[in-house]
Amino acid sequence: MTLLTRILHEKRTPITVVAIILAFDVLLYVWGYPLSTRASRAETRAAQALEQLVQARATHAAVSATSANKTNADSELQGFYTDVLPSGLAGARIISSPFLVKLAEDTSLVLERRTSVPEKERESLLARLRTTMVLAGEYEDIRQFIYELETAPEFILIEEVVLSQGDESEEALVLTLGVSTYYWAGPDAAF
C-alpha cells in the first residue's frame, strides 16, 4: 500500500466529509451564480426604471407648469381684451376723438387737422384705428401733451412724432402726431 492509499483509507471519514462539503460548495456556486447575475440585472433594471420615473415626473411637472402658464396667459390676454382695449370701433373712436381733442385743449395746443382710419389685418382678431393729428403750440405745451398722452390710462400708442417750425411770422411749433389704438374686432368684422 502506498502512502496515499493508506492516508485515504485511514482518514476516509474526514476526507469524505470534506469532499461532500466541496461538492456542495461547487453545486451552490454553479446554482447561485446565475441567481446573483439575475439579481444584479434586476437591480440594474430597477435603477433604470427609477431614473425613467424621475425623468417622467420632471417632464410631467414641466408640462403641468407650461399648461398652467398657458392658462394664466390666456386669462390675462382675455382680461387685456376686455378691460384695457376699447370695445369695437365705436369705443376706439371715443378714445381717439374726444379724449385727444380735450387733451390738446387742456395743454393749450391748437388742433389744426385730425384724420382717423380703421385698419384690420386679414387673420387678426384685433383692428387698429390710426389717427393723425396736426397740432400747433409752444414747445412746453407739446411736451406736456405728449407726457399726458403717454401716462393716460387709455390704450393709445404713439407711432409717429414730427416736430417742425411753423411759418416765419409765427413762433408756434407744428406737431404732426400719429397715434393708434387697437380694439377687438373679432373674426366677423370686415372693413
N, C-alpha and C. Protein backbone atom coordinates (compact mmCIF):
# COMPACT_ATOMS: atom_id res chain seq x y z
N MET A 1 0.84 -1.15 0.00
CA MET A 1 0.00 0.00 0.00
C MET A 1 0.90 1.23 0.00
N THR A 2 0.46 2.09 -0.78
CA THR A 2 1.21 3.30 -0.89
C THR A 2 0.76 4.27 0.20
N LEU A 3 1.54 5.23 0.33
CA LEU A 3 1.25 6.22 1.38
C LEU A 3 -0.09 6.91 1.13
N LEU A 4 -0.35 7.25 -0.09
CA LEU A 4 -1.60 7.96 -0.43
C LEU A 4 -2.80 7.05 -0.19
N THR A 5 -2.71 5.81 -0.54
CA THR A 5 -3.82 4.89 -0.33
C THR A 5 -4.06 4.70 1.15
N ARG A 6 -2.98 4.58 1.91
CA ARG A 6 -3.12 4.39 3.34
C ARG A 6 -3.76 5.60 4.00
N ILE A 7 -3.39 6.80 3.57
CA ILE A 7 -3.97 8.02 4.15
C ILE A 7 -5.45 8.09 3.80
N LEU A 8 -5.79 7.76 2.58
CA LEU A 8 -7.20 7.78 2.17
C LEU A 8 -7.98 6.74 2.95
N HIS A 9 -7.44 5.61 3.18
CA HIS A 9 -8.13 4.55 3.89
C HIS A 9 -8.31 4.92 5.36
N GLU A 10 -7.28 5.45 6.02
CA GLU A 10 -7.37 5.78 7.44
C GLU A 10 -8.18 7.06 7.68
N LYS A 11 -8.11 7.98 6.82
CA LYS A 11 -8.80 9.26 7.02
C LYS A 11 -10.00 9.36 6.10
N ARG A 12 -10.63 8.29 5.79
CA ARG A 12 -11.74 8.23 4.86
C ARG A 12 -12.90 9.11 5.32
N THR A 13 -13.26 9.10 6.53
CA THR A 13 -14.41 9.86 7.01
C THR A 13 -14.17 11.37 6.88
N PRO A 14 -13.04 11.91 7.35
CA PRO A 14 -12.87 13.35 7.18
C PRO A 14 -12.72 13.74 5.71
N ILE A 15 -12.07 12.88 4.93
CA ILE A 15 -11.90 13.20 3.52
C ILE A 15 -13.25 13.16 2.82
N THR A 16 -14.10 12.24 3.15
CA THR A 16 -15.44 12.15 2.57
C THR A 16 -16.26 13.38 2.95
N VAL A 17 -16.17 13.80 4.19
CA VAL A 17 -16.91 14.98 4.64
C VAL A 17 -16.41 16.21 3.87
N VAL A 18 -15.08 16.33 3.75
CA VAL A 18 -14.53 17.48 3.02
C VAL A 18 -14.95 17.42 1.55
N ALA A 19 -14.95 16.25 0.95
CA ALA A 19 -15.35 16.10 -0.45
C ALA A 19 -16.83 16.44 -0.63
N ILE A 20 -17.67 16.03 0.30
CA ILE A 20 -19.11 16.35 0.22
C ILE A 20 -19.31 17.86 0.37
N ILE A 21 -18.58 18.47 1.31
CA ILE A 21 -18.71 19.92 1.50
C ILE A 21 -18.21 20.66 0.26
N LEU A 22 -17.11 20.20 -0.30
CA LEU A 22 -16.57 20.82 -1.51
C LEU A 22 -17.53 20.66 -2.68
N ALA A 23 -18.12 19.47 -2.81
CA ALA A 23 -19.10 19.24 -3.88
C ALA A 23 -20.34 20.12 -3.67
N PHE A 24 -20.74 20.23 -2.41
CA PHE A 24 -21.89 21.08 -2.11
C PHE A 24 -21.58 22.54 -2.41
N ASP A 25 -20.37 23.01 -2.09
CA ASP A 25 -19.95 24.38 -2.40
C ASP A 25 -19.94 24.62 -3.91
N VAL A 26 -19.40 23.66 -4.66
CA VAL A 26 -19.38 23.81 -6.12
C VAL A 26 -20.80 23.85 -6.66
N LEU A 27 -21.65 22.98 -6.12
CA LEU A 27 -23.05 22.96 -6.55
C LEU A 27 -23.74 24.28 -6.23
N LEU A 28 -23.52 24.82 -5.04
CA LEU A 28 -24.10 26.11 -4.67
C LEU A 28 -23.56 27.23 -5.57
N TYR A 29 -22.28 27.19 -5.85
CA TYR A 29 -21.68 28.22 -6.72
C TYR A 29 -22.29 28.15 -8.13
N VAL A 30 -22.40 26.94 -8.67
CA VAL A 30 -22.96 26.77 -10.01
C VAL A 30 -24.43 27.18 -10.03
N TRP A 31 -25.16 26.86 -9.00
CA TRP A 31 -26.58 27.21 -8.96
C TRP A 31 -26.78 28.67 -8.56
N GLY A 32 -25.93 29.22 -7.70
CA GLY A 32 -26.10 30.58 -7.19
C GLY A 32 -25.55 31.65 -8.11
N TYR A 33 -24.59 31.34 -8.95
CA TYR A 33 -24.02 32.35 -9.84
C TYR A 33 -25.05 32.94 -10.78
N PRO A 34 -25.88 32.12 -11.45
CA PRO A 34 -26.92 32.73 -12.30
C PRO A 34 -27.91 33.56 -11.48
N LEU A 35 -28.18 33.17 -10.26
CA LEU A 35 -29.08 33.95 -9.42
C LEU A 35 -28.48 35.31 -9.10
N SER A 36 -27.18 35.34 -8.79
CA SER A 36 -26.56 36.63 -8.50
C SER A 36 -26.51 37.50 -9.75
N THR A 37 -26.29 36.86 -10.90
CA THR A 37 -26.31 37.60 -12.16
C THR A 37 -27.70 38.15 -12.42
N ARG A 38 -28.69 37.33 -12.20
CA ARG A 38 -30.08 37.80 -12.36
C ARG A 38 -30.40 38.90 -11.37
N ALA A 39 -29.92 38.76 -10.17
CA ALA A 39 -30.18 39.78 -9.15
C ALA A 39 -29.51 41.11 -9.53
N SER A 40 -28.28 41.04 -10.04
CA SER A 40 -27.62 42.29 -10.43
C SER A 40 -28.31 42.90 -11.65
N ARG A 41 -28.77 42.06 -12.57
CA ARG A 41 -29.53 42.58 -13.71
C ARG A 41 -30.83 43.22 -13.24
N ALA A 42 -31.49 42.58 -12.29
CA ALA A 42 -32.74 43.13 -11.76
C ALA A 42 -32.48 44.46 -11.06
N GLU A 43 -31.37 44.55 -10.34
CA GLU A 43 -31.02 45.82 -9.69
C GLU A 43 -30.74 46.90 -10.73
N THR A 44 -30.06 46.54 -11.82
CA THR A 44 -29.78 47.49 -12.89
C THR A 44 -31.08 47.97 -13.53
N ARG A 45 -31.98 47.01 -13.81
CA ARG A 45 -33.27 47.40 -14.39
C ARG A 45 -34.09 48.27 -13.44
N ALA A 46 -34.01 47.96 -12.15
CA ALA A 46 -34.73 48.77 -11.16
C ALA A 46 -34.16 50.19 -11.11
N ALA A 47 -32.84 50.31 -11.18
CA ALA A 47 -32.22 51.65 -11.18
C ALA A 47 -32.60 52.41 -12.44
N GLN A 48 -32.61 51.72 -13.60
CA GLN A 48 -33.03 52.38 -14.84
C GLN A 48 -34.50 52.79 -14.76
N ALA A 49 -35.34 51.92 -14.22
CA ALA A 49 -36.76 52.26 -14.08
C ALA A 49 -36.95 53.45 -13.15
N LEU A 50 -36.17 53.49 -12.08
CA LEU A 50 -36.26 54.62 -11.16
C LEU A 50 -35.82 55.91 -11.84
N GLU A 51 -34.76 55.85 -12.65
CA GLU A 51 -34.30 57.02 -13.39
C GLU A 51 -35.35 57.47 -14.40
N GLN A 52 -35.98 56.51 -15.09
CA GLN A 52 -37.04 56.86 -16.03
C GLN A 52 -38.24 57.47 -15.31
N LEU A 53 -38.53 56.96 -14.12
CA LEU A 53 -39.63 57.52 -13.33
C LEU A 53 -39.33 58.96 -12.94
N VAL A 54 -38.09 59.23 -12.52
CA VAL A 54 -37.71 60.59 -12.15
C VAL A 54 -37.81 61.51 -13.36
N GLN A 55 -37.35 61.04 -14.53
CA GLN A 55 -37.45 61.84 -15.75
C GLN A 55 -38.90 62.07 -16.14
N ALA A 56 -39.72 61.03 -16.01
CA ALA A 56 -41.15 61.18 -16.35
C ALA A 56 -41.83 62.18 -15.41
N ARG A 57 -41.47 62.14 -14.13
CA ARG A 57 -42.06 63.10 -13.18
C ARG A 57 -41.61 64.51 -13.50
N ALA A 58 -40.34 64.67 -13.87
CA ALA A 58 -39.83 66.00 -14.22
C ALA A 58 -40.52 66.51 -15.49
N THR A 59 -40.70 65.63 -16.47
CA THR A 59 -41.40 66.01 -17.69
C THR A 59 -42.85 66.37 -17.39
N HIS A 60 -43.49 65.59 -16.54
CA HIS A 60 -44.88 65.87 -16.17
C HIS A 60 -44.98 67.22 -15.47
N ALA A 61 -44.03 67.49 -14.57
CA ALA A 61 -44.04 68.78 -13.86
C ALA A 61 -43.84 69.94 -14.84
N ALA A 62 -42.94 69.75 -15.81
CA ALA A 62 -42.70 70.80 -16.80
C ALA A 62 -43.93 71.02 -17.67
N VAL A 63 -44.58 69.94 -18.08
CA VAL A 63 -45.79 70.05 -18.90
C VAL A 63 -46.91 70.71 -18.09
N SER A 64 -47.03 70.34 -16.82
CA SER A 64 -48.06 70.94 -15.97
C SER A 64 -47.81 72.43 -15.79
N ALA A 65 -46.54 72.80 -15.59
CA ALA A 65 -46.21 74.22 -15.43
C ALA A 65 -46.49 74.98 -16.72
N THR A 66 -46.15 74.38 -17.85
CA THR A 66 -46.42 75.02 -19.15
C THR A 66 -47.92 75.19 -19.35
N SER A 67 -48.66 74.17 -19.00
CA SER A 67 -50.12 74.24 -19.14
C SER A 67 -50.70 75.33 -18.23
N ALA A 68 -50.20 75.40 -17.00
CA ALA A 68 -50.67 76.44 -16.08
C ALA A 68 -50.30 77.82 -16.60
N ASN A 69 -49.06 77.96 -17.12
CA ASN A 69 -48.63 79.25 -17.66
C ASN A 69 -49.49 79.64 -18.86
N LYS A 70 -49.81 78.67 -19.71
CA LYS A 70 -50.65 78.96 -20.89
C LYS A 70 -52.04 79.39 -20.45
N THR A 71 -52.59 78.68 -19.48
CA THR A 71 -53.91 79.05 -18.97
C THR A 71 -53.88 80.45 -18.37
N ASN A 72 -52.83 80.74 -17.60
CA ASN A 72 -52.69 82.06 -17.00
C ASN A 72 -52.54 83.13 -18.07
N ALA A 73 -51.72 82.86 -19.08
CA ALA A 73 -51.53 83.83 -20.17
C ALA A 73 -52.82 84.05 -20.94
N ASP A 74 -53.57 82.96 -21.17
CA ASP A 74 -54.86 83.10 -21.87
C ASP A 74 -55.84 83.96 -21.07
N SER A 75 -55.88 83.76 -19.76
CA SER A 75 -56.80 84.55 -18.94
C SER A 75 -56.35 86.02 -18.88
N GLU A 76 -55.03 86.24 -18.80
CA GLU A 76 -54.54 87.63 -18.80
C GLU A 76 -54.80 88.30 -20.14
N LEU A 77 -54.62 87.56 -21.22
CA LEU A 77 -54.90 88.12 -22.55
C LEU A 77 -56.38 88.44 -22.70
N GLN A 78 -57.23 87.55 -22.21
CA GLN A 78 -58.67 87.82 -22.27
C GLN A 78 -59.01 89.04 -21.42
N GLY A 79 -58.38 89.18 -20.25
CA GLY A 79 -58.58 90.37 -19.42
C GLY A 79 -58.10 91.63 -20.13
N PHE A 80 -56.99 91.53 -20.85
CA PHE A 80 -56.49 92.67 -21.62
C PHE A 80 -57.51 93.06 -22.70
N TYR A 81 -58.06 92.06 -23.38
CA TYR A 81 -59.04 92.34 -24.43
C TYR A 81 -60.29 93.01 -23.87
N THR A 82 -60.74 92.56 -22.70
CA THR A 82 -61.99 93.08 -22.17
C THR A 82 -61.82 94.34 -21.31
N ASP A 83 -60.70 94.43 -20.56
CA ASP A 83 -60.54 95.53 -19.62
C ASP A 83 -59.75 96.71 -20.18
N VAL A 84 -58.77 96.47 -21.04
CA VAL A 84 -57.88 97.53 -21.50
C VAL A 84 -58.27 98.05 -22.88
N LEU A 85 -58.50 97.13 -23.81
CA LEU A 85 -58.81 97.57 -25.17
C LEU A 85 -60.22 98.12 -25.26
N PRO A 86 -60.42 99.10 -26.13
CA PRO A 86 -61.78 99.60 -26.33
C PRO A 86 -62.65 98.52 -26.97
N SER A 87 -63.93 98.63 -26.74
CA SER A 87 -64.85 97.64 -27.29
C SER A 87 -65.34 98.11 -28.66
N GLY A 88 -64.77 97.59 -29.69
CA GLY A 88 -65.21 97.87 -31.05
C GLY A 88 -64.70 99.21 -31.57
N LEU A 89 -65.06 99.48 -32.82
CA LEU A 89 -64.64 100.70 -33.49
C LEU A 89 -65.22 101.94 -32.81
N ALA A 90 -66.45 101.84 -32.34
CA ALA A 90 -67.07 102.99 -31.67
C ALA A 90 -66.29 103.37 -30.41
N GLY A 91 -65.89 102.37 -29.63
CA GLY A 91 -65.09 102.65 -28.43
C GLY A 91 -63.74 103.24 -28.77
N ALA A 92 -63.14 102.76 -29.85
CA ALA A 92 -61.85 103.31 -30.28
C ALA A 92 -62.00 104.76 -30.74
N ARG A 93 -63.09 105.06 -31.42
CA ARG A 93 -63.32 106.45 -31.87
C ARG A 93 -63.56 107.37 -30.68
N ILE A 94 -64.24 106.86 -29.65
CA ILE A 94 -64.48 107.66 -28.45
C ILE A 94 -63.14 108.02 -27.79
N ILE A 95 -62.22 107.06 -27.75
CA ILE A 95 -60.91 107.35 -27.17
C ILE A 95 -60.15 108.34 -28.03
N SER A 96 -60.15 108.11 -29.33
CA SER A 96 -59.30 108.95 -30.18
C SER A 96 -59.87 110.35 -30.39
N SER A 97 -61.18 110.48 -30.50
CA SER A 97 -61.70 111.82 -30.79
C SER A 97 -61.84 112.70 -29.56
N PRO A 98 -62.80 112.47 -28.69
CA PRO A 98 -62.98 113.41 -27.58
C PRO A 98 -61.76 113.49 -26.66
N PHE A 99 -61.13 112.35 -26.39
CA PHE A 99 -60.01 112.35 -25.46
C PHE A 99 -58.85 113.18 -26.01
N LEU A 100 -58.47 112.95 -27.26
CA LEU A 100 -57.33 113.67 -27.84
C LEU A 100 -57.64 115.16 -28.03
N VAL A 101 -58.86 115.48 -28.41
CA VAL A 101 -59.24 116.89 -28.57
C VAL A 101 -59.19 117.60 -27.22
N LYS A 102 -59.75 116.96 -26.19
CA LYS A 102 -59.74 117.57 -24.86
C LYS A 102 -58.32 117.71 -24.34
N LEU A 103 -57.49 116.71 -24.58
CA LEU A 103 -56.10 116.77 -24.14
C LEU A 103 -55.35 117.91 -24.85
N ALA A 104 -55.61 118.12 -26.12
CA ALA A 104 -54.99 119.23 -26.84
C ALA A 104 -55.45 120.57 -26.25
N GLU A 105 -56.74 120.69 -25.96
CA GLU A 105 -57.25 121.93 -25.37
C GLU A 105 -56.66 122.17 -23.98
N ASP A 106 -56.57 121.11 -23.17
CA ASP A 106 -56.04 121.24 -21.82
C ASP A 106 -54.56 121.66 -21.81
N THR A 107 -53.83 121.30 -22.83
CA THR A 107 -52.40 121.65 -22.89
C THR A 107 -52.15 122.87 -23.77
N SER A 108 -53.19 123.60 -24.10
CA SER A 108 -53.11 124.86 -24.87
C SER A 108 -52.56 124.67 -26.28
N LEU A 109 -52.86 123.57 -26.91
CA LEU A 109 -52.46 123.34 -28.30
C LEU A 109 -53.66 123.57 -29.21
N VAL A 110 -53.39 124.02 -30.42
CA VAL A 110 -54.45 124.25 -31.40
C VAL A 110 -54.48 123.05 -32.34
N LEU A 111 -55.64 122.41 -32.41
CA LEU A 111 -55.81 121.27 -33.31
C LEU A 111 -56.14 121.81 -34.70
N GLU A 112 -55.21 121.65 -35.63
CA GLU A 112 -55.42 122.15 -36.98
C GLU A 112 -56.11 121.13 -37.87
N ARG A 113 -55.79 119.85 -37.66
CA ARG A 113 -56.38 118.83 -38.53
C ARG A 113 -56.28 117.47 -37.82
N ARG A 114 -57.27 116.61 -38.06
CA ARG A 114 -57.26 115.26 -37.49
C ARG A 114 -57.92 114.31 -38.48
N THR A 115 -57.31 113.17 -38.73
CA THR A 115 -57.91 112.13 -39.58
C THR A 115 -57.76 110.79 -38.87
N SER A 116 -58.76 109.96 -39.04
CA SER A 116 -58.73 108.63 -38.44
C SER A 116 -59.09 107.60 -39.51
N VAL A 117 -58.34 106.49 -39.50
CA VAL A 117 -58.57 105.43 -40.48
C VAL A 117 -58.53 104.09 -39.76
N PRO A 118 -59.62 103.29 -39.84
CA PRO A 118 -59.58 101.95 -39.24
C PRO A 118 -58.87 100.97 -40.18
N GLU A 119 -58.06 100.07 -39.61
CA GLU A 119 -57.34 99.07 -40.37
C GLU A 119 -57.47 97.72 -39.67
N LYS A 120 -57.54 96.65 -40.48
CA LYS A 120 -57.61 95.31 -39.90
C LYS A 120 -56.78 94.37 -40.75
N GLU A 121 -55.92 93.62 -40.07
CA GLU A 121 -55.15 92.57 -40.75
C GLU A 121 -56.10 91.43 -41.08
N ARG A 122 -55.79 90.70 -42.12
CA ARG A 122 -56.68 89.64 -42.59
C ARG A 122 -56.92 88.55 -41.54
N GLU A 123 -55.88 88.05 -40.91
CA GLU A 123 -56.01 86.92 -39.97
C GLU A 123 -56.12 87.35 -38.51
N SER A 124 -56.07 88.63 -38.23
CA SER A 124 -56.05 89.09 -36.85
C SER A 124 -57.45 89.31 -36.31
N LEU A 125 -57.61 89.10 -35.02
CA LEU A 125 -58.88 89.38 -34.35
C LEU A 125 -58.90 90.81 -33.80
N LEU A 126 -57.75 91.49 -33.89
CA LEU A 126 -57.67 92.88 -33.46
C LEU A 126 -57.63 93.79 -34.67
N ALA A 127 -58.13 94.98 -34.49
CA ALA A 127 -58.06 96.00 -35.54
C ALA A 127 -57.46 97.25 -34.92
N ARG A 128 -57.03 98.16 -35.78
CA ARG A 128 -56.35 99.36 -35.30
C ARG A 128 -57.05 100.57 -35.88
N LEU A 129 -57.18 101.59 -35.07
CA LEU A 129 -57.68 102.88 -35.51
C LEU A 129 -56.49 103.83 -35.49
N ARG A 130 -56.00 104.19 -36.68
CA ARG A 130 -54.86 105.12 -36.80
C ARG A 130 -55.40 106.54 -36.88
N THR A 131 -54.84 107.39 -36.07
CA THR A 131 -55.25 108.80 -36.06
C THR A 131 -54.01 109.66 -36.28
N THR A 132 -54.12 110.59 -37.21
CA THR A 132 -53.06 111.55 -37.45
C THR A 132 -53.58 112.92 -37.06
N MET A 133 -52.81 113.61 -36.24
CA MET A 133 -53.22 114.93 -35.75
C MET A 133 -52.14 115.94 -36.09
N VAL A 134 -52.55 117.13 -36.46
CA VAL A 134 -51.63 118.24 -36.66
C VAL A 134 -51.99 119.28 -35.60
N LEU A 135 -51.03 119.55 -34.71
CA LEU A 135 -51.24 120.46 -33.59
C LEU A 135 -50.22 121.59 -33.67
N ALA A 136 -50.60 122.73 -33.19
CA ALA A 136 -49.69 123.88 -33.16
C ALA A 136 -49.65 124.43 -31.75
N GLY A 137 -48.46 124.86 -31.32
CA GLY A 137 -48.34 125.44 -29.99
C GLY A 137 -46.90 125.60 -29.59
N GLU A 138 -46.72 125.96 -28.34
CA GLU A 138 -45.40 126.18 -27.78
C GLU A 138 -44.74 124.83 -27.45
N TYR A 139 -43.42 124.84 -27.37
CA TYR A 139 -42.66 123.62 -27.12
C TYR A 139 -43.05 122.98 -25.79
N GLU A 140 -43.16 123.75 -24.74
CA GLU A 140 -43.52 123.21 -23.42
C GLU A 140 -44.91 122.59 -23.45
N ASP A 141 -45.85 123.21 -24.19
CA ASP A 141 -47.20 122.66 -24.29
C ASP A 141 -47.18 121.32 -25.05
N ILE A 142 -46.34 121.24 -26.08
CA ILE A 142 -46.23 119.99 -26.84
C ILE A 142 -45.65 118.89 -25.95
N ARG A 143 -44.62 119.22 -25.18
CA ARG A 143 -44.04 118.24 -24.25
C ARG A 143 -45.08 117.77 -23.24
N GLN A 144 -45.86 118.71 -22.71
CA GLN A 144 -46.90 118.35 -21.74
C GLN A 144 -47.95 117.45 -22.39
N PHE A 145 -48.34 117.77 -23.61
CA PHE A 145 -49.33 116.97 -24.33
C PHE A 145 -48.83 115.53 -24.50
N ILE A 146 -47.58 115.36 -24.93
CA ILE A 146 -47.03 114.02 -25.13
C ILE A 146 -46.92 113.27 -23.80
N TYR A 147 -46.51 113.98 -22.75
CA TYR A 147 -46.43 113.35 -21.44
C TYR A 147 -47.81 112.87 -20.98
N GLU A 148 -48.80 113.75 -21.09
CA GLU A 148 -50.16 113.38 -20.67
C GLU A 148 -50.69 112.21 -21.49
N LEU A 149 -50.38 112.18 -22.77
CA LEU A 149 -50.82 111.09 -23.64
C LEU A 149 -50.15 109.78 -23.25
N GLU A 150 -48.87 109.82 -22.96
CA GLU A 150 -48.15 108.60 -22.59
C GLU A 150 -48.57 108.05 -21.23
N THR A 151 -48.96 108.89 -20.31
CA THR A 151 -49.33 108.44 -18.96
C THR A 151 -50.83 108.24 -18.79
N ALA A 152 -51.59 108.47 -19.82
CA ALA A 152 -53.05 108.32 -19.74
C ALA A 152 -53.42 106.84 -19.61
N PRO A 153 -54.51 106.53 -18.93
CA PRO A 153 -54.92 105.13 -18.80
C PRO A 153 -55.51 104.56 -20.10
N GLU A 154 -55.87 105.41 -21.03
CA GLU A 154 -56.40 104.93 -22.29
C GLU A 154 -55.30 104.22 -23.08
N PHE A 155 -55.69 103.21 -23.84
CA PHE A 155 -54.72 102.43 -24.60
C PHE A 155 -54.47 103.11 -25.95
N ILE A 156 -53.50 104.03 -25.96
CA ILE A 156 -53.13 104.77 -27.17
C ILE A 156 -51.62 104.67 -27.33
N LEU A 157 -51.19 104.31 -28.52
CA LEU A 157 -49.76 104.19 -28.81
C LEU A 157 -49.33 105.33 -29.72
N ILE A 158 -48.22 105.96 -29.37
CA ILE A 158 -47.65 107.00 -30.23
C ILE A 158 -46.76 106.29 -31.24
N GLU A 159 -47.06 106.45 -32.52
CA GLU A 159 -46.30 105.77 -33.56
C GLU A 159 -45.42 106.71 -34.37
N GLU A 160 -45.77 107.98 -34.39
CA GLU A 160 -45.00 108.92 -35.21
C GLU A 160 -45.07 110.31 -34.57
N VAL A 161 -43.92 110.95 -34.50
CA VAL A 161 -43.84 112.32 -33.98
C VAL A 161 -42.96 113.12 -34.94
N VAL A 162 -43.55 114.17 -35.51
CA VAL A 162 -42.80 115.06 -36.39
C VAL A 162 -43.01 116.47 -35.87
N LEU A 163 -41.91 117.09 -35.50
CA LEU A 163 -41.97 118.44 -34.97
C LEU A 163 -41.29 119.38 -35.97
N SER A 164 -42.02 120.43 -36.35
CA SER A 164 -41.45 121.37 -37.34
C SER A 164 -41.78 122.79 -36.92
N GLN A 165 -41.05 123.70 -37.51
CA GLN A 165 -41.27 125.12 -37.25
C GLN A 165 -42.43 125.58 -38.12
N GLY A 166 -43.29 126.40 -37.55
CA GLY A 166 -44.42 126.95 -38.31
C GLY A 166 -43.94 128.03 -39.28
N ASP A 167 -44.85 128.82 -39.75
CA ASP A 167 -44.49 129.94 -40.64
C ASP A 167 -43.50 130.85 -39.94
N GLU A 168 -42.76 131.59 -40.75
CA GLU A 168 -41.77 132.51 -40.17
C GLU A 168 -42.44 133.61 -39.37
N SER A 169 -43.66 133.95 -39.73
CA SER A 169 -44.35 135.01 -38.99
C SER A 169 -44.82 134.52 -37.63
N GLU A 170 -44.98 133.21 -37.47
CA GLU A 170 -45.45 132.64 -36.20
C GLU A 170 -44.27 131.98 -35.47
N GLU A 171 -44.34 132.01 -34.17
CA GLU A 171 -43.31 131.35 -33.40
C GLU A 171 -43.77 129.98 -32.94
N ALA A 172 -44.99 129.58 -33.27
CA ALA A 172 -45.53 128.30 -32.83
C ALA A 172 -44.87 127.15 -33.59
N LEU A 173 -44.73 126.05 -32.88
CA LEU A 173 -44.23 124.83 -33.49
C LEU A 173 -45.41 124.01 -33.98
N VAL A 174 -45.18 123.20 -35.02
CA VAL A 174 -46.23 122.34 -35.55
C VAL A 174 -45.84 120.90 -35.24
N LEU A 175 -46.75 120.19 -34.60
CA LEU A 175 -46.55 118.79 -34.24
C LEU A 175 -47.48 117.94 -35.09
N THR A 176 -46.89 117.05 -35.86
CA THR A 176 -47.68 116.05 -36.58
C THR A 176 -47.51 114.76 -35.80
N LEU A 177 -48.61 114.25 -35.28
CA LEU A 177 -48.57 113.12 -34.37
C LEU A 177 -49.41 111.98 -34.94
N GLY A 178 -48.80 110.82 -35.04
CA GLY A 178 -49.53 109.62 -35.46
C GLY A 178 -49.72 108.71 -34.27
N VAL A 179 -50.96 108.46 -33.91
CA VAL A 179 -51.28 107.58 -32.78
C VAL A 179 -52.21 106.47 -33.25
N SER A 180 -52.21 105.40 -32.50
CA SER A 180 -53.10 104.28 -32.82
C SER A 180 -53.68 103.72 -31.55
N THR A 181 -54.85 103.19 -31.68
CA THR A 181 -55.44 102.39 -30.61
C THR A 181 -55.96 101.11 -31.25
N TYR A 182 -55.85 100.04 -30.52
CA TYR A 182 -56.30 98.75 -31.01
C TYR A 182 -57.62 98.42 -30.33
N TYR A 183 -58.41 97.62 -30.99
CA TYR A 183 -59.69 97.21 -30.43
C TYR A 183 -60.02 95.83 -30.93
N TRP A 184 -60.87 95.16 -30.18
CA TRP A 184 -61.28 93.79 -30.52
C TRP A 184 -62.27 93.88 -31.69
N ALA A 185 -61.85 93.28 -32.82
CA ALA A 185 -62.72 93.30 -33.98
C ALA A 185 -63.45 91.97 -34.15
N GLY A 186 -62.88 90.89 -33.64
CA GLY A 186 -63.50 89.58 -33.75
C GLY A 186 -63.32 89.00 -35.14
N PRO A 187 -63.68 87.73 -35.31
CA PRO A 187 -63.46 87.08 -36.61
C PRO A 187 -64.43 87.55 -37.70
N ASP A 188 -65.55 88.17 -37.33
CA ASP A 188 -66.57 88.53 -38.31
C ASP A 188 -66.49 89.97 -38.79
N ALA A 189 -65.61 90.77 -38.18
CA ALA A 189 -65.54 92.19 -38.53
C ALA A 189 -64.93 92.35 -39.92
N ALA A 190 -65.49 93.25 -40.69
CA ALA A 190 -64.99 93.50 -42.02
C ALA A 190 -64.76 94.99 -42.21
N PHE A 191 -63.84 95.37 -43.10
CA PHE A 191 -63.56 96.76 -43.37
C PHE A 191 -63.61 96.98 -44.85
